[in-house]
C-alpha cells in the first residue's frame, strides 16, 4: 500500500511541478484572498488582528477546494482513472497518494500565507511550534477528506459546483478547531479550552478522515 501511495503522490507532484498550476493559480488566489480581507477590515485594525487566524484558515480552505479539483482533474484526463483501475494499484494506496500530494501542496501554500498574514495583518507569532503542529494536523484532515469527496464528485456532471457543497460542511469542524488552536500562536490570550485540546481534536478528525478514506476510496474509484 505504501509503495503505491508514494508512486501516486510522486506522479501527482511531478505533474504539478511541470504544469505549475499550483504556483501560477492556487498560490496567487490564496494570497489575493488574504489581501482582500486586509482591504475589507483595514479601517478597524484590531478586528483584523483578532480575526487573522480565522481568515488564514478560510483562505486555506478555499485553496483546498482548488487543489482537490486539480488533483481529481488529473485522474479524469485521458483515461487515467480507467488506467488506475487496470493497473492493479491498491485503492488504499491510491487514496493515500492523492492525499499526500494535496497535503504537500497545502503545507507549502500555508508557509506563504502565514508570511502574508504576518506582514499584511501585522500580527505577532508567539508559538511557532503550536502553529506548525496545528497546520500539519489540519492539513492531513483537509487533504484526506478532500481526496475522498473529490473522488465522490468526479463522476458527476456538476462536480465543479457540487464539491464545495459536499466538502465545506464536513470540514467545518476542522476550520473551527484549527482557528482556535492557531489563535494561541498569534496572540497571548487566555482560552477556556487549551490549545492542546484543539490540536488533539484536529488529530482525531485527521485519523477518522484517513481511516474512512482507506475503507471507502476503493468503492468510489470503481464507481
Protein backbone atom coordinates (compact mmCIF):
# COMPACT_ATOMS: atom_id res chain seq x y z
CA UNK A 1 0.00 0.00 0.00
CA UNK A 2 2.71 2.49 0.96
CA UNK A 3 4.69 1.77 -2.19
CA UNK A 4 1.59 2.51 -4.29
CA UNK A 5 0.89 5.62 -2.23
CA UNK A 6 4.38 7.02 -2.80
CA UNK A 7 4.15 6.22 -6.51
CA UNK A 8 0.82 8.05 -6.89
CA UNK A 9 1.97 11.00 -4.77
CA UNK A 10 5.19 11.26 -6.75
CA UNK A 11 3.26 11.20 -10.02
CA UNK A 12 0.87 13.96 -8.92
CA UNK A 13 3.66 16.15 -7.55
CA UNK A 14 5.73 15.76 -10.71
CA UNK A 15 2.73 16.79 -12.80
CA UNK A 16 2.20 19.84 -10.61
CA UNK A 17 5.89 20.76 -10.75
CA UNK A 18 5.85 20.64 -14.54
CA UNK A 19 2.48 22.30 -15.08
CA UNK A 20 2.97 24.89 -12.30
CA UNK A 21 -0.78 25.19 -11.87
CA UNK A 22 -0.42 25.47 -8.12
CA UNK A 23 2.29 28.11 -8.35
CA UNK A 24 0.61 30.17 -11.03
CA UNK A 25 -3.04 29.85 -9.98
CA UNK A 26 -3.68 28.46 -6.48
CA UNK A 27 -0.99 30.46 -4.65
CA UNK A 28 -1.96 33.81 -6.24
CA UNK A 29 -5.62 33.07 -5.49
CA UNK A 30 -4.89 32.36 -1.81
CA UNK A 31 -2.73 35.46 -1.46
CA UNK A 32 -5.43 37.54 -3.14
CA UNK A 33 -7.98 36.28 -0.62
CA UNK A 34 -5.97 37.44 2.40
CA UNK A 35 -5.19 40.75 0.65
CA UNK A 36 -8.90 41.36 0.07
CA UNK A 37 -9.60 40.55 3.71
CA UNK A 38 -6.98 43.14 4.65
CA UNK A 39 -8.64 45.76 2.45
CA UNK A 40 -12.09 44.95 3.82
CA UNK A 41 -11.10 45.14 7.50
CA UNK A 42 -8.20 47.61 7.39
CA UNK A 43 -10.19 50.53 8.88
CA UNK A 44 -10.52 48.51 12.09
CA UNK A 45 -7.02 47.11 12.64
CA UNK A 46 -7.94 45.47 15.93
CA UNK A 47 -10.62 43.33 14.30
CA UNK A 48 -8.19 42.32 11.55
CA UNK A 49 -5.60 41.15 14.08
CA UNK A 50 -8.16 39.25 16.14
CA UNK A 51 -9.59 37.55 13.06
CA UNK A 52 -6.20 36.73 11.50
CA UNK A 53 -6.27 33.02 12.39
CA UNK A 54 -9.78 32.52 11.04
CA UNK A 55 -9.05 34.45 7.84
CA UNK A 56 -5.89 32.40 7.34
CA UNK A 57 -7.76 29.10 7.55
CA UNK A 58 -10.61 30.31 5.35
CA UNK A 59 -8.02 31.11 2.67
CA UNK A 60 -6.52 27.64 3.15
CA UNK A 61 -9.97 26.06 2.89
CA UNK A 62 -10.77 27.84 -0.37
CA UNK A 63 -7.39 26.79 -1.73
CA UNK A 64 -8.08 23.20 -0.68
CA UNK A 65 -11.10 23.17 -2.97
CA UNK A 66 -8.93 24.24 -5.90
CA UNK A 67 -6.17 21.76 -5.04
CA UNK A 68 -8.64 18.87 -4.76
CA UNK A 69 -10.36 19.77 -8.02
CA UNK A 70 -6.96 19.91 -9.70
CA UNK A 71 -5.97 16.55 -8.19
CA UNK A 72 -9.12 14.88 -9.46
CA UNK A 73 -8.81 16.58 -12.86
CA UNK A 74 -5.53 14.72 -13.27
CA UNK A 75 -7.33 11.42 -12.70
CA UNK A 76 -10.08 12.30 -15.16
CA UNK A 77 -7.76 13.28 -18.01
CA UNK A 78 -7.02 10.90 -20.90
CA UNK A 79 -8.46 7.83 -19.22
CA UNK A 80 -6.12 7.98 -16.22
CA UNK A 81 -8.90 6.79 -13.90
CA UNK A 82 -9.51 3.68 -16.00
CA UNK A 83 -5.78 3.05 -16.25
CA UNK A 84 -5.52 3.25 -12.47
CA UNK A 85 -8.24 0.64 -12.09
CA UNK A 86 -6.50 -1.68 -14.55
CA UNK A 87 -3.02 -1.15 -13.08
CA UNK A 88 -3.65 -3.27 -10.01
CA UNK A 89 -2.74 -0.48 -7.63
CA UNK A 90 -4.13 -0.81 -4.13
CA UNK A 91 -7.10 1.61 -3.85
CA UNK A 92 -5.98 2.50 -0.34
CA UNK A 93 -2.56 3.33 -1.70
CA UNK A 94 -4.11 5.48 -4.43
CA UNK A 95 -6.12 7.37 -1.80
CA UNK A 96 -3.08 7.91 0.40
CA UNK A 97 -1.02 9.04 -2.58
CA UNK A 98 -3.64 11.58 -3.67
CA UNK A 99 -3.99 12.84 -0.10
CA UNK A 100 -0.21 13.10 0.40
CA UNK A 101 0.20 15.11 -2.80
CA UNK A 102 -2.58 17.51 -1.81
CA UNK A 103 -1.20 17.81 1.73
CA UNK A 104 2.30 18.66 0.50
CA UNK A 105 0.93 21.40 -1.74
CA UNK A 106 -1.22 22.80 1.07
CA UNK A 107 1.66 22.86 3.55
CA UNK A 108 3.82 24.82 1.12
CA UNK A 109 0.92 27.17 0.49
CA UNK A 110 0.39 27.67 4.22
CA UNK A 111 4.00 28.82 4.64
CA UNK A 112 3.39 31.53 2.04
CA UNK A 113 0.06 32.50 3.56
CA UNK A 114 1.49 32.62 7.09
CA UNK A 115 4.16 35.05 5.92
CA UNK A 116 1.48 37.11 4.18
CA UNK A 117 -0.68 37.23 7.31
CA UNK A 118 2.25 38.36 9.45
CA UNK A 119 3.15 41.14 7.00
CA UNK A 120 -0.33 42.32 5.97
CA UNK A 121 -2.15 41.88 9.27
CA UNK A 122 0.78 42.94 11.50
CA UNK A 123 0.37 40.05 13.93
CA UNK A 124 3.00 38.59 16.22
CA UNK A 125 3.67 34.86 16.09
CA UNK A 126 4.28 33.74 19.67
CA UNK A 127 4.01 29.99 19.27
CA UNK A 128 5.61 28.71 16.09
CA UNK A 129 5.56 25.14 17.41
CA UNK A 130 1.82 25.25 18.12
CA UNK A 131 1.15 26.79 14.71
CA UNK A 132 3.25 24.14 12.95
CA UNK A 133 1.56 21.20 14.71
CA UNK A 134 -1.85 22.72 14.07
CA UNK A 135 -1.02 23.17 10.39
CA UNK A 136 0.11 19.56 9.98
CA UNK A 137 -2.90 18.06 11.78
CA UNK A 138 -5.43 20.27 9.99
CA UNK A 139 -3.79 19.76 6.60
CA UNK A 140 -3.85 15.97 6.92
CA UNK A 141 -7.56 16.12 7.68
CA UNK A 142 -8.31 18.53 4.84
CA UNK A 143 -6.28 16.55 2.32
CA UNK A 144 -7.84 13.23 3.34
CA UNK A 145 -11.46 14.32 3.28
CA UNK A 146 -10.85 16.45 0.19
CA UNK A 147 -9.41 13.50 -1.73
CA UNK A 148 -12.31 11.31 -0.66
CA UNK A 149 -15.07 13.75 -1.60
CA UNK A 150 -13.19 14.73 -4.74
CA UNK A 151 -13.40 11.14 -5.91
CA UNK A 152 -17.08 11.06 -5.00
CA UNK A 153 -17.81 14.14 -7.12
CA UNK A 154 -15.59 13.18 -10.05
CA UNK A 155 -18.17 11.07 -11.84
CA UNK A 156 -20.88 13.71 -11.61
CA UNK A 157 -21.60 16.24 -14.35
CA UNK A 158 -21.79 19.15 -11.89
CA UNK A 159 -18.71 18.20 -9.89
CA UNK A 160 -17.19 21.71 -10.01
CA UNK A 161 -20.14 23.20 -8.12
CA UNK A 162 -21.12 20.11 -6.12
CA UNK A 163 -17.72 19.57 -4.49
CA UNK A 164 -17.89 22.72 -2.32
CA UNK A 165 -21.41 21.80 -1.17
CA UNK A 166 -20.24 18.33 -0.16
CA UNK A 167 -16.90 19.30 1.33
CA UNK A 168 -17.46 22.55 3.23
CA UNK A 169 -19.93 21.19 5.84
CA UNK A 170 -17.65 18.23 6.55
CA UNK A 171 -14.53 20.33 7.11
CA UNK A 172 -16.29 22.95 9.25
CA UNK A 173 -15.09 21.25 12.49
CA UNK A 174 -11.51 21.33 11.15
CA UNK A 175 -11.86 25.04 10.38
CA UNK A 176 -13.13 25.79 13.90
CA UNK A 177 -10.52 23.69 15.71
CA UNK A 178 -7.63 24.96 13.56
CA UNK A 179 -8.70 28.56 14.09
CA UNK A 180 -8.92 28.19 17.86
CA UNK A 181 -5.57 26.41 18.06
CA UNK A 182 -3.89 28.97 15.80
CA UNK A 183 -5.17 31.90 17.82
CA UNK A 184 -2.93 30.88 20.69
CA UNK A 185 0.10 31.06 18.38
CA UNK A 186 -0.76 34.53 17.11
CA UNK A 187 -1.74 36.27 20.36
CA UNK A 188 -1.12 35.99 24.07
CA UNK A 189 -4.69 35.24 25.07
CA UNK A 190 -6.26 33.09 27.74
CA UNK A 191 -8.60 30.43 26.33
CA UNK A 192 -11.31 28.45 28.05
CA UNK A 193 -10.11 25.40 26.10
CA UNK A 194 -6.36 24.75 25.97
CA UNK A 195 -4.72 24.86 22.52
CA UNK A 196 -3.51 21.30 23.05
CA UNK A 197 -7.11 20.16 23.28
CA UNK A 198 -7.93 21.77 19.94
CA UNK A 199 -4.84 20.19 18.37
CA UNK A 200 -5.91 16.84 19.81
CA UNK A 201 -9.34 17.30 18.26
CA UNK A 202 -7.70 18.03 14.91
CA UNK A 203 -5.68 14.84 15.24
CA UNK A 204 -8.87 12.86 15.88
CA UNK A 205 -10.51 14.36 12.80
CA UNK A 206 -7.43 13.54 10.73
CA UNK A 207 -7.35 9.91 11.88
CA UNK A 208 -11.08 9.46 11.26
CA UNK A 209 -10.94 11.01 7.78
CA UNK A 210 -7.89 8.97 6.78
CA UNK A 211 -9.36 5.73 8.13
CA UNK A 212 -12.68 6.31 6.37
CA UNK A 213 -10.89 7.16 3.14
CA UNK A 214 -8.84 3.97 3.26
CA UNK A 215 -12.01 1.94 3.58
CA UNK A 216 -14.30 3.81 1.17
CA UNK A 217 -11.99 5.02 -1.62
CA UNK A 218 -11.90 1.70 -3.45
CA UNK A 219 -15.68 1.67 -3.92
CA UNK A 220 -15.66 5.29 -5.12
CA UNK A 221 -12.85 4.56 -7.57
CA UNK A 222 -14.77 1.66 -9.09
CA UNK A 223 -17.97 3.70 -9.39
